[in-house]
Amino acid sequence: MKSKATKIVVKEIRFGPNTDEHDYSFKLKHAHKFLEDGAKLKAFVFFKGRSILYKEKGEILLLKLAQDLEEVGKVEQLPKLEGKRMTMFMAPKVVKKK
């Protein structure tokens, strides 16, 4: 029974609230690969110091990521603020075997 159990791998991707477009697309490619490989994805925006003022920017960034990864993954948990981190979980879409 233990040998048939699959180990769930969780990969993390970290953003800042003011992440630039090039950095975003670079991390998007990594996230896409993680979900295709079957790993769960934990994307989070880390707020340092006074950047906590940009909560909306962080949420928009995570929702944009979810929208861009729609074809390979589904959102398990919507963006949620916990202290100085706003986290979102995504799981790979299950491919049906024939």
PDB file of N, CA and C in Angstrom:
ATOM      1  N   MET A   1       0.821  -1.183   0.000  1.00  0.00           N
ATOM      2  CA  MET A   1       0.000   0.000   0.000  1.00  0.00           C
ATOM      3  C   MET A   1       0.874   1.259   0.000  1.00  0.00           C
ATOM      4  N   LYS A   2       1.962   1.189   0.766  1.00  0.00           N
ATOM      5  CA  LYS A   2       2.861   2.334   0.849  1.00  0.00           C
ATOM      6  C   LYS A   2       3.552   2.594  -0.494  1.00  0.00           C
ATOM      7  N   SER A   3       3.871   1.537  -1.209  1.00  0.00           N
ATOM      8  CA  SER A   3       4.584   1.700  -2.471  1.00  0.00           C
ATOM      9  C   SER A   3       3.704   2.339  -3.540  1.00  0.00           C
ATOM     10  N   LYS A   4       2.388   2.194  -3.432  1.00  0.00           N
ATOM     11  CA  LYS A   4       1.486   2.764  -4.423  1.00  0.00           C
ATOM     12  C   LYS A   4       1.114   4.207  -4.103  1.00  0.00           C
ATOM     13  N   ALA A   5       1.422   4.659  -2.891  1.00  0.00           N
ATOM     14  CA  ALA A   5       1.094   6.029  -2.509  1.00  0.00           C
ATOM     15  C   ALA A   5       2.011   7.004  -3.243  1.00  0.00           C
ATOM     16  N   THR A   6       1.419   8.074  -3.737  1.00  0.00           N
ATOM     17  CA  THR A   6       2.225   9.072  -4.432  1.00  0.00           C
ATOM     18  C   THR A   6       2.609  10.178  -3.465  1.00  0.00           C
ATOM     19  N   LYS A   7       3.859  10.588  -3.562  1.00  0.00           N
ATOM     20  CA  LYS A   7       4.348  11.655  -2.697  1.00  0.00           C
ATOM     21  C   LYS A   7       4.019  12.985  -3.367  1.00  0.00           C
ATOM     22  N   ILE A   8       3.390  13.863  -2.615  1.00  0.00           N
ATOM     23  CA  ILE A   8       3.014  15.165  -3.162  1.00  0.00           C
ATOM     24  C   ILE A   8       4.163  16.142  -2.962  1.00  0.00           C
ATOM     25  N   VAL A   9       4.610  16.724  -4.075  1.00  0.00           N
ATOM     26  CA  VAL A   9       5.705  17.693  -4.039  1.00  0.00           C
ATOM     27  C   VAL A   9       5.099  19.086  -4.132  1.00  0.00           C
ATOM     28  N   VAL A  10       5.531  19.981  -3.250  1.00  0.00           N
ATOM     29  CA  VAL A  10       5.055  21.364  -3.282  1.00  0.00           C
ATOM     30  C   VAL A  10       6.235  22.266  -3.648  1.00  0.00           C
ATOM     31  N   LYS A  11       6.102  22.979  -4.750  1.00  0.00           N
ATOM     32  CA  LYS A  11       7.129  23.917  -5.195  1.00  0.00           C
ATOM     33  C   LYS A  11       6.661  25.331  -4.864  1.00  0.00           C
ATOM     34  N   GLU A  12       7.603  26.189  -4.490  1.00  0.00           N
ATOM     35  CA  GLU A  12       7.267  27.558  -4.112  1.00  0.00           C
ATOM     36  C   GLU A  12       7.811  28.559  -5.117  1.00  0.00           C
ATOM     37  N   ILE A  13       7.027  29.616  -5.332  1.00  0.00           N
ATOM     38  CA  ILE A  13       7.467  30.733  -6.159  1.00  0.00           C
ATOM     39  C   ILE A  13       7.178  32.006  -5.382  1.00  0.00           C
ATOM     40  N   ARG A  14       8.187  32.858  -5.250  1.00  0.00           N
ATOM     41  CA  ARG A  14       8.077  34.070  -4.432  1.00  0.00           C
ATOM     42  C   ARG A  14       8.076  35.306  -5.328  1.00  0.00           C
ATOM     43  N   PHE A  15       7.172  36.199  -5.039  1.00  0.00           N
ATOM     44  CA  PHE A  15       7.084  37.471  -5.751  1.00  0.00           C
ATOM     45  C   PHE A  15       7.186  38.608  -4.753  1.00  0.00           C
ATOM     46  N   GLY A  16       7.499  39.791  -5.249  1.00  0.00           N
ATOM     47  CA  GLY A  16       7.384  41.015  -4.475  1.00  0.00           C
ATOM     48  C   GLY A  16       6.157  41.747  -4.997  1.00  0.00           C
ATOM     49  N   PRO A  17       5.609  42.694  -4.246  1.00  0.00           N
ATOM     50  CA  PRO A  17       4.413  43.387  -4.728  1.00  0.00           C
ATOM     51  C   PRO A  17       4.669  44.216  -5.988  1.00  0.00           C
ATOM     52  N   ASN A  18       5.912  44.622  -6.228  1.00  0.00           N
ATOM     53  CA  ASN A  18       6.248  45.431  -7.401  1.00  0.00           C
ATOM     54  C   ASN A  18       7.070  44.645  -8.412  1.00  0.00           C
ATOM     55  N   THR A  19       6.760  43.363  -8.603  1.00  0.00           N
ATOM     56  CA  THR A  19       7.496  42.517  -9.535  1.00  0.00           C
ATOM     57  C   THR A  19       7.313  43.021 -10.965  1.00  0.00           C
ATOM     58  N   ASP A  20       8.428  43.146 -11.681  1.00  0.00           N
ATOM     59  CA  ASP A  20       8.432  43.654 -13.046  1.00  0.00           C
ATOM     60  C   ASP A  20       7.896  42.598 -14.019  1.00  0.00           C
ATOM     61  N   GLU A  21       7.521  43.023 -15.220  1.00  0.00           N
ATOM     62  CA  GLU A  21       6.918  42.129 -16.215  1.00  0.00           C
ATOM     63  C   GLU A  21       7.873  41.013 -16.644  1.00  0.00           C
ATOM     64  N   HIS A  22       9.157  41.320 -16.846  1.00  0.00           N
ATOM     65  CA  HIS A  22      10.122  40.298 -17.263  1.00  0.00           C
ATOM     66  C   HIS A  22      10.313  39.254 -16.170  1.00  0.00           C
ATOM     67  N   ASP A  23      10.452  39.707 -14.923  1.00  0.00           N
ATOM     68  CA  ASP A  23      10.616  38.773 -13.808  1.00  0.00           C
ATOM     69  C   ASP A  23       9.380  37.895 -13.657  1.00  0.00           C
ATOM     70  N   TYR A  24       8.217  38.506 -13.867  1.00  0.00           N
ATOM     71  CA  TYR A  24       6.961  37.756 -13.769  1.00  0.00           C
ATOM     72  C   TYR A  24       6.914  36.655 -14.826  1.00  0.00           C
ATOM     73  N   SER A  25       7.258  36.981 -16.067  1.00  0.00           N
ATOM     74  CA  SER A  25       7.198  35.979 -17.137  1.00  0.00           C
ATOM     75  C   SER A  25       8.223  34.871 -16.919  1.00  0.00           C
ATOM     76  N   PHE A  26       9.378  35.209 -16.349  1.00  0.00           N
ATOM     77  CA  PHE A  26      10.409  34.218 -16.039  1.00  0.00           C
ATOM     78  C   PHE A  26       9.883  33.215 -15.002  1.00  0.00           C
ATOM     79  N   LYS A  27       9.251  33.724 -13.956  1.00  0.00           N
ATOM     80  CA  LYS A  27       8.719  32.862 -12.899  1.00  0.00           C
ATOM     81  C   LYS A  27       7.488  32.105 -13.376  1.00  0.00           C
ATOM     82  N   LEU A  28       6.743  32.685 -14.305  1.00  0.00           N
ATOM     83  CA  LEU A  28       5.573  32.025 -14.877  1.00  0.00           C
ATOM     84  C   LEU A  28       5.988  30.753 -15.616  1.00  0.00           C
ATOM     85  N   LYS A  29       7.111  30.824 -16.347  1.00  0.00           N
ATOM     86  CA  LYS A  29       7.607  29.636 -17.066  1.00  0.00           C
ATOM     87  C   LYS A  29       7.960  28.525 -16.084  1.00  0.00           C
ATOM     88  N   HIS A  30       8.599  28.890 -14.971  1.00  0.00           N
ATOM     89  CA  HIS A  30       8.946  27.896 -13.961  1.00  0.00           C
ATOM     90  C   HIS A  30       7.684  27.273 -13.356  1.00  0.00           C
ATOM     91  N   ALA A  31       6.707  28.109 -13.043  1.00  0.00           N
ATOM     92  CA  ALA A  31       5.454  27.631 -12.461  1.00  0.00           C
ATOM     93  C   ALA A  31       4.749  26.680 -13.428  1.00  0.00           C
ATOM     94  N   HIS A  32       4.763  27.028 -14.708  1.00  0.00           N
ATOM     95  CA  HIS A  32       4.144  26.198 -15.744  1.00  0.00           C
ATOM     96  C   HIS A  32       4.802  24.817 -15.765  1.00  0.00           C
ATOM     97  N   LYS A  33       6.123  24.789 -15.691  1.00  0.00           N
ATOM     98  CA  LYS A  33       6.876  23.527 -15.706  1.00  0.00           C
ATOM     99  C   LYS A  33       6.568  22.698 -14.452  1.00  0.00           C
ATOM    100  N   PHE A  34       6.506  23.351 -13.290  1.00  0.00           N
ATOM    101  CA  PHE A  34       6.209  22.641 -12.043  1.00  0.00           C
ATOM    102  C   PHE A  34       4.857  21.945 -12.125  1.00  0.00           C
ATOM    103  N   LEU A  35       3.844  22.655 -12.624  1.00  0.00           N
ATOM    104  CA  LEU A  35       2.502  22.071 -12.707  1.00  0.00           C
ATOM    105  C   LEU A  35       2.441  20.958 -13.742  1.00  0.00           C
ATOM    106  N   GLU A  36       3.171  21.105 -14.855  1.00  0.00           N
ATOM    107  CA  GLU A  36       3.203  20.046 -15.870  1.00  0.00           C
ATOM    108  C   GLU A  36       3.863  18.791 -15.330  1.00  0.00           C
ATOM    109  N   ASP A  37       4.856  18.963 -14.442  1.00  0.00           N
ATOM    110  CA  ASP A  37       5.547  17.816 -13.850  1.00  0.00           C
ATOM    111  C   ASP A  37       4.722  17.143 -12.760  1.00  0.00           C
ATOM    112  N   GLY A  38       3.582  17.730 -12.394  1.00  0.00           N
ATOM    113  CA  GLY A  38       2.692  17.115 -11.413  1.00  0.00           C
ATOM    114  C   GLY A  38       2.880  17.599  -9.989  1.00  0.00           C
ATOM    115  N   ALA A  39       3.657  18.647  -9.774  1.00  0.00           N
ATOM    116  CA  ALA A  39       3.872  19.176  -8.426  1.00  0.00           C
ATOM    117  C   ALA A  39       2.824  20.242  -8.124  1.00  0.00           C
ATOM    118  N   LYS A  40       2.489  20.389  -6.852  1.00  0.00           N
ATOM    119  CA  LYS A  40       1.605  21.479  -6.444  1.00  0.00           C
ATOM    120  C   LYS A  40       2.436  22.756  -6.380  1.00  0.00           C
ATOM    121  N   LEU A  41       1.766  23.882  -6.516  1.00  0.00           N
ATOM    122  CA  LEU A  41       2.459  25.159  -6.548  1.00  0.00           C
ATOM    123  C   LEU A  41       1.962  26.058  -5.427  1.00  0.00           C
ATOM    124  N   LYS A  42       2.909  26.603  -4.682  1.00  0.00           N
ATOM    125  CA  LYS A  42       2.592  27.586  -3.644  1.00  0.00           C
ATOM    126  C   LYS A  42       3.222  28.890  -4.089  1.00  0.00           C
ATOM    127  N   ALA A  43       2.380  29.808  -4.537  1.00  0.00           N
ATOM    128  CA  ALA A  43       2.872  31.117  -4.976  1.00  0.00           C
ATOM    129  C   ALA A  43       2.577  32.114  -3.880  1.00  0.00           C
ATOM    130  N   PHE A  44       3.567  32.925  -3.538  1.00  0.00           N
ATOM    131  CA  PHE A  44       3.312  33.912  -2.507  1.00  0.00           C
ATOM    132  C   PHE A  44       4.005  35.231  -2.801  1.00  0.00           C
ATOM    133  N   VAL A  45       3.371  36.294  -2.307  1.00  0.00           N
ATOM    134  CA  VAL A  45       3.917  37.647  -2.400  1.00  0.00           C
ATOM    135  C   VAL A  45       4.372  38.005  -0.995  1.00  0.00           C
ATOM    136  N   PHE A  46       5.642  38.390  -0.884  1.00  0.00           N
ATOM    137  CA  PHE A  46       6.201  38.731   0.416  1.00  0.00           C
ATOM    138  C   PHE A  46       6.290  40.244   0.530  1.00  0.00           C
ATOM    139  N   PHE A  47       5.679  40.784   1.565  1.00  0.00           N
ATOM    140  CA  PHE A  47       5.678  42.232   1.777  1.00  0.00           C
ATOM    141  C   PHE A  47       6.742  42.594   2.797  1.00  0.00           C
ATOM    142  N   LYS A  48       7.716  43.443   2.385  1.00  0.00           N
ATOM    143  CA  LYS A  48       8.774  43.901   3.291  1.00  0.00           C
ATOM    144  C   LYS A  48       8.491  45.330   3.706  1.00  0.00           C
ATOM    145  N   GLY A  49       8.645  45.612   4.968  1.00  0.00           N
ATOM    146  CA  GLY A  49       8.530  46.987   5.455  1.00  0.00           C
ATOM    147  C   GLY A  49       7.208  47.632   5.109  1.00  0.00           C
ATOM    148  N   ARG A  50       7.287  48.764   4.447  1.00  0.00           N
ATOM    149  CA  ARG A  50       6.067  49.514   4.120  1.00  0.00           C
ATOM    150  C   ARG A  50       5.371  49.034   2.857  1.00  0.00           C
ATOM    151  N   SER A  51       5.915  48.042   2.212  1.00  0.00           N
ATOM    152  CA  SER A  51       5.277  47.538   0.993  1.00  0.00           C
ATOM    153  C   SER A  51       3.942  46.863   1.301  1.00  0.00           C
ATOM    154  N   ILE A  52       3.607  46.681   2.583  1.00  0.00           N
ATOM    155  CA  ILE A  52       2.323  46.101   2.978  1.00  0.00           C
ATOM    156  C   ILE A  52       1.174  46.995   2.506  1.00  0.00           C
ATOM    157  N   LEU A  53       1.498  48.246   2.143  1.00  0.00           N
ATOM    158  CA  LEU A  53       0.494  49.169   1.619  1.00  0.00           C
ATOM    159  C   LEU A  53      -0.039  48.708   0.268  1.00  0.00           C
ATOM    160  N   TYR A  54       0.722  47.860  -0.431  1.00  0.00           N
ATOM    161  CA  TYR A  54       0.341  47.423  -1.774  1.00  0.00           C
ATOM    162  C   TYR A  54      -0.314  46.053  -1.776  1.00  0.00           C
ATOM    163  N   LYS A  55      -1.218  45.807  -0.831  1.00  0.00           N
ATOM    164  CA  LYS A  55      -1.910  44.515  -0.755  1.00  0.00           C
ATOM    165  C   LYS A  55      -2.658  44.206  -2.046  1.00  0.00           C
ATOM    166  N   GLU A  56      -3.275  45.241  -2.621  1.00  0.00           N
ATOM    167  CA  GLU A  56      -4.065  45.049  -3.841  1.00  0.00           C
ATOM    168  C   GLU A  56      -3.169  44.594  -4.997  1.00  0.00           C
ATOM    169  N   LYS A  57      -1.969  45.197  -5.094  1.00  0.00           N
ATOM    170  CA  LYS A  57      -1.030  44.811  -6.154  1.00  0.00           C
ATOM    171  C   LYS A  57      -0.653  43.340  -6.030  1.00  0.00           C
ATOM    172  N   GLY A  58      -0.429  42.894  -4.796  1.00  0.00           N
ATOM    173  CA  GLY A  58      -0.069  41.495  -4.555  1.00  0.00           C
ATOM    174  C   GLY A  58      -1.182  40.556  -4.956  1.00  0.00           C
ATOM    175  N   GLU A  59      -2.414  40.921  -4.601  1.00  0.00           N
ATOM    176  CA  GLU A  59      -3.551  40.065  -4.938  1.00  0.00           C
ATOM    177  C   GLU A  59      -3.769  40.021  -6.442  1.00  0.00           C
ATOM    178  N   ILE A  60      -3.636  41.161  -7.108  1.00  0.00           N
ATOM    179  CA  ILE A  60      -3.788  41.220  -8.565  1.00  0.00           C
ATOM    180  C   ILE A  60      -2.735  40.352  -9.240  1.00  0.00           C
ATOM    181  N   LEU A  61      -1.510  40.396  -8.711  1.00  0.00           N
ATOM    182  CA  LEU A  61      -0.406  39.604  -9.266  1.00  0.00           C
ATOM    183  C   LEU A  61      -0.701  38.098  -9.166  1.00  0.00           C
ATOM    184  N   LEU A  62      -1.181  37.652  -8.006  1.00  0.00           N
ATOM    185  CA  LEU A  62      -1.482  36.229  -7.823  1.00  0.00           C
ATOM    186  C   LEU A  62      -2.666  35.786  -8.680  1.00  0.00           C
ATOM    187  N   LEU A  63      -3.680  36.623  -8.792  1.00  0.00           N
ATOM    188  CA  LEU A  63      -4.838  36.276  -9.624  1.00  0.00           C
ATOM    189  C   LEU A  63      -4.453  36.235 -11.103  1.00  0.00           C
ATOM    190  N   LYS A  64      -3.531  37.115 -11.508  1.00  0.00           N
ATOM    191  CA  LYS A  64      -3.031  37.098 -12.886  1.00  0.00           C
ATOM    192  C   LYS A  64      -2.269  35.801 -13.150  1.00  0.00           C
ATOM    193  N   LEU A  65      -1.476  35.366 -12.163  1.00  0.00           N
ATOM    194  CA  LEU A  65      -0.748  34.101 -12.275  1.00  0.00           C
ATOM    195  C   LEU A  65      -1.721  32.934 -12.434  1.00  0.00           C
ATOM    196  N   ALA A  66      -2.786  32.936 -11.628  1.00  0.00           N
ATOM    197  CA  ALA A  66      -3.789  31.870 -11.702  1.00  0.00           C
ATOM    198  C   ALA A  66      -4.445  31.848 -13.079  1.00  0.00           C
ATOM    199  N   GLN A  67      -4.719  33.018 -13.625  1.00  0.00           N
ATOM    200  CA  GLN A  67      -5.351  33.109 -14.934  1.00  0.00           C
ATOM    201  C   GLN A  67      -4.403  32.623 -16.037  1.00  0.00           C
ATOM    202  N   ASP A  68      -3.111  32.955 -15.921  1.00  0.00           N
ATOM    203  CA  ASP A  68      -2.136  32.551 -16.932  1.00  0.00           C
ATOM    204  C   ASP A  68      -1.860  31.049 -16.896  1.00  0.00           C
ATOM    205  N   LEU A  69      -2.042  30.429 -15.734  1.00  0.00           N
ATOM    206  CA  LEU A  69      -1.783  28.991 -15.587  1.00  0.00           C
ATOM    207  C   LEU A  69      -3.069  28.158 -15.628  1.00  0.00           C
ATOM    208  N   GLU A  70      -4.144  28.765 -16.115  1.00  0.00           N
ATOM    209  CA  GLU A  70      -5.462  28.127 -16.104  1.00  0.00           C
ATOM    210  C   GLU A  70      -5.494  26.792 -16.847  1.00  0.00           C
ATOM    211  N   GLU A  71      -4.750  26.690 -17.962  1.00  0.00           N
ATOM    212  CA  GLU A  71      -4.823  25.463 -18.767  1.00  0.00           C
ATOM    213  C   GLU A  71      -4.065  24.283 -18.149  1.00  0.00           C
ATOM    214  N   VAL A  72      -3.098  24.537 -17.263  1.00  0.00           N
ATOM    215  CA  VAL A  72      -2.335  23.428 -16.660  1.00  0.00           C
ATOM    216  C   VAL A  72      -2.644  23.179 -15.189  1.00  0.00           C
ATOM    217  N   GLY A  73      -3.291  24.142 -14.525  1.00  0.00           N
ATOM    218  CA  GLY A  73      -3.553  23.969 -13.098  1.00  0.00           C
ATOM    219  C   GLY A  73      -4.845  24.619 -12.660  1.00  0.00           C
ATOM    220  N   LYS A  74      -5.293  24.219 -11.465  1.00  0.00           N
ATOM    221  CA  LYS A  74      -6.493  24.841 -10.909  1.00  0.00           C
ATOM    222  C   LYS A  74      -6.173  25.371  -9.514  1.00  0.00           C
ATOM    223  N   VAL A  75      -6.850  26.434  -9.130  1.00  0.00           N
ATOM    224  CA  VAL A  75      -6.601  27.078  -7.846  1.00  0.00           C
ATOM    225  C   VAL A  75      -7.239  26.255  -6.730  1.00  0.00           C
ATOM    226  N   GLU A  76      -6.424  25.896  -5.733  1.00  0.00           N
ATOM    227  CA  GLU A  76      -6.933  25.179  -4.559  1.00  0.00           C
ATOM    228  C   GLU A  76      -7.342  26.164  -3.478  1.00  0.00           C
ATOM    229  N   GLN A  77      -6.552  27.228  -3.326  1.00  0.00           N
ATOM    230  CA  GLN A  77      -6.840  28.244  -2.316  1.00  0.00           C
ATOM    231  C   GLN A  77      -6.586  29.613  -2.929  1.00  0.00           C
ATOM    232  N   LEU A  78      -7.582  30.466  -2.887  1.00  0.00           N
ATOM    233  CA  LEU A  78      -7.439  31.825  -3.413  1.00  0.00           C
ATOM    234  C   LEU A  78      -6.457  32.614  -2.558  1.00  0.00           C
ATOM    235  N   PRO A  79      -5.919  33.723  -3.082  1.00  0.00           N
ATOM    236  CA  PRO A  79      -4.953  34.512  -2.311  1.00  0.00           C
ATOM    237  C   PRO A  79      -5.490  34.912  -0.933  1.00  0.00           C
ATOM    238  N   LYS A  80      -4.660  34.648   0.080  1.00  0.00           N
ATOM    239  CA  LYS A  80      -5.050  34.922   1.463  1.00  0.00           C
ATOM    240  C   LYS A  80      -3.860  35.539   2.175  1.00  0.00           C
ATOM    241  N   LEU A  81      -4.089  36.637   2.878  1.00  0.00           N
ATOM    242  CA  LEU A  81      -3.020  37.343   3.578  1.00  0.00           C
ATOM    243  C   LEU A  81      -2.814  36.737   4.950  1.00  0.00           C
ATOM    244  N   GLU A  82      -1.575  36.314   5.222  1.00  0.00           N
ATOM    245  CA  GLU A  82      -1.205  35.768   6.530  1.00  0.00           C
ATOM    246  C   GLU A  82       0.042  36.509   6.990  1.00  0.00           C
ATOM    247  N   GLY A  83      -0.129  37.470   7.860  1.00  0.00           N
ATOM    248  CA  GLY A  83       1.010  38.257   8.320  1.00  0.00           C
ATOM    249  C   GLY A  83       1.552  39.114   7.192  1.00  0.00           C
ATOM    250  N   LYS A  84       2.812  38.883   6.819  1.00  0.00           N
ATOM    251  CA  LYS A  84       3.432  39.655   5.742  1.00  0.00           C
ATOM    252  C   LYS A  84       3.451  38.901   4.419  1.00  0.00           C
ATOM    253  N   ARG A  85       2.759  37.768   4.356  1.00  0.00           N
ATOM    254  CA  ARG A  85       2.718  36.954   3.147  1.00  0.00           C
ATOM    255  C   ARG A  85       1.301  36.815   2.634  1.00  0.00           C
ATOM    256  N   MET A  86       1.140  36.892   1.321  1.00  0.00           N
ATOM    257  CA  MET A  86      -0.138  36.584   0.697  1.00  0.00           C
ATOM    258  C   MET A  86       0.098  35.322  -0.127  1.00  0.00           C
ATOM    259  N   THR A  87      -0.555  34.221   0.255  1.00  0.00           N
ATOM    260  CA  THR A  87      -0.292  32.937  -0.397  1.00  0.00           C
ATOM    261  C   THR A  87      -1.484  32.460  -1.213  1.00  0.00           C
ATOM    262  N   MET A  88      -1.152  31.657  -2.233  1.00  0.00           N
ATOM    263  CA  MET A  88      -2.149  31.016  -3.073  1.00  0.00           C
ATOM    264  C   MET A  88      -1.621  29.640  -3.458  1.00  0.00           C
ATOM    265  N   PHE A  89      -2.479  28.628  -3.401  1.00  0.00           N
ATOM    266  CA  PHE A  89      -2.083  27.269  -3.768  1.00  0.00           C
ATOM    267  C   PHE A  89      -2.748  26.864  -5.072  1.00  0.00           C
ATOM    268  N   MET A  90      -1.973  26.175  -5.920  1.00  0.00           N
ATOM    269  CA  MET A  90      -2.498  25.635  -7.171  1.00  0.00           C
ATOM    270  C   MET A  90      -2.114  24.170  -7.287  1.00  0.00           C
ATOM    271  N   ALA A  91      -3.000  23.383  -7.873  1.00  0.00           N
ATOM    272  CA  ALA A  91      -2.748  21.964  -8.099  1.00  0.00           C
ATOM    273  C   ALA A  91      -2.807  21.700  -9.598  1.00  0.00           C
ATOM    274  N   PRO A  92      -2.034  20.720 -10.070  1.00  0.00           N
ATOM    275  CA  PRO A  92      -2.066  20.403 -11.503  1.00  0.00           C
ATOM    276  C   PRO A  92      -3.413  19.789 -11.881  1.00  0.00           C
ATOM    277  N   LYS A  93      -3.861  20.064 -13.092  1.00  0.00           N
ATOM    278  CA  LYS A  93      -5.090  19.433 -13.577  1.00  0.00           C
ATOM    279  C   LYS A  93      -4.795  17.978 -13.867  1.00  0.00           C
ATOM    280  N   VAL A  94      -5.730  17.108 -13.508  1.00  0.00           N
ATOM    281  CA  VAL A  94      -5.540  15.672 -13.694  1.00  0.00           C
ATOM    282  C   VAL A  94      -5.811  15.321 -15.148  1.00  0.00           C
ATOM    283  N   VAL A  95      -4.835  14.655 -15.768  1.00  0.00           N
ATOM    284  CA  VAL A  95      -4.996  14.201 -17.143  1.00  0.00           C
ATOM    285  C   VAL A  95      -5.601  12.807 -17.103  1.00  0.00           C
ATOM    286  N   LYS A  96      -6.733  12.640 -17.769  1.00  0.00           N
ATOM    287  CA  LYS A  96      -7.418  11.343 -17.753  1.00  0.00           C
ATOM    288  C   LYS A  96      -6.673  10.343 -18.635  1.00  0.00           C
ATOM    289  N   LYS A  97      -6.443   9.155 -18.087  1.00  0.00           N
ATOM    290  CA  LYS A  97      -5.766   8.085 -18.838  1.00  0.00           C
ATOM    291  C   LYS A  97      -6.792   7.283 -19.613  1.00  0.00           C
ATOM    292  N   LYS A  98      -6.399   6.846 -20.803  1.00  0.00           N
ATOM    293  CA  LYS A  98      -7.326   6.072 -21.655  1.00  0.00           C
ATOM    294  C   LYS A  98      -7.026   4.604 -21.574  1.00  0.00           C
TER     295      LYS A  98
END
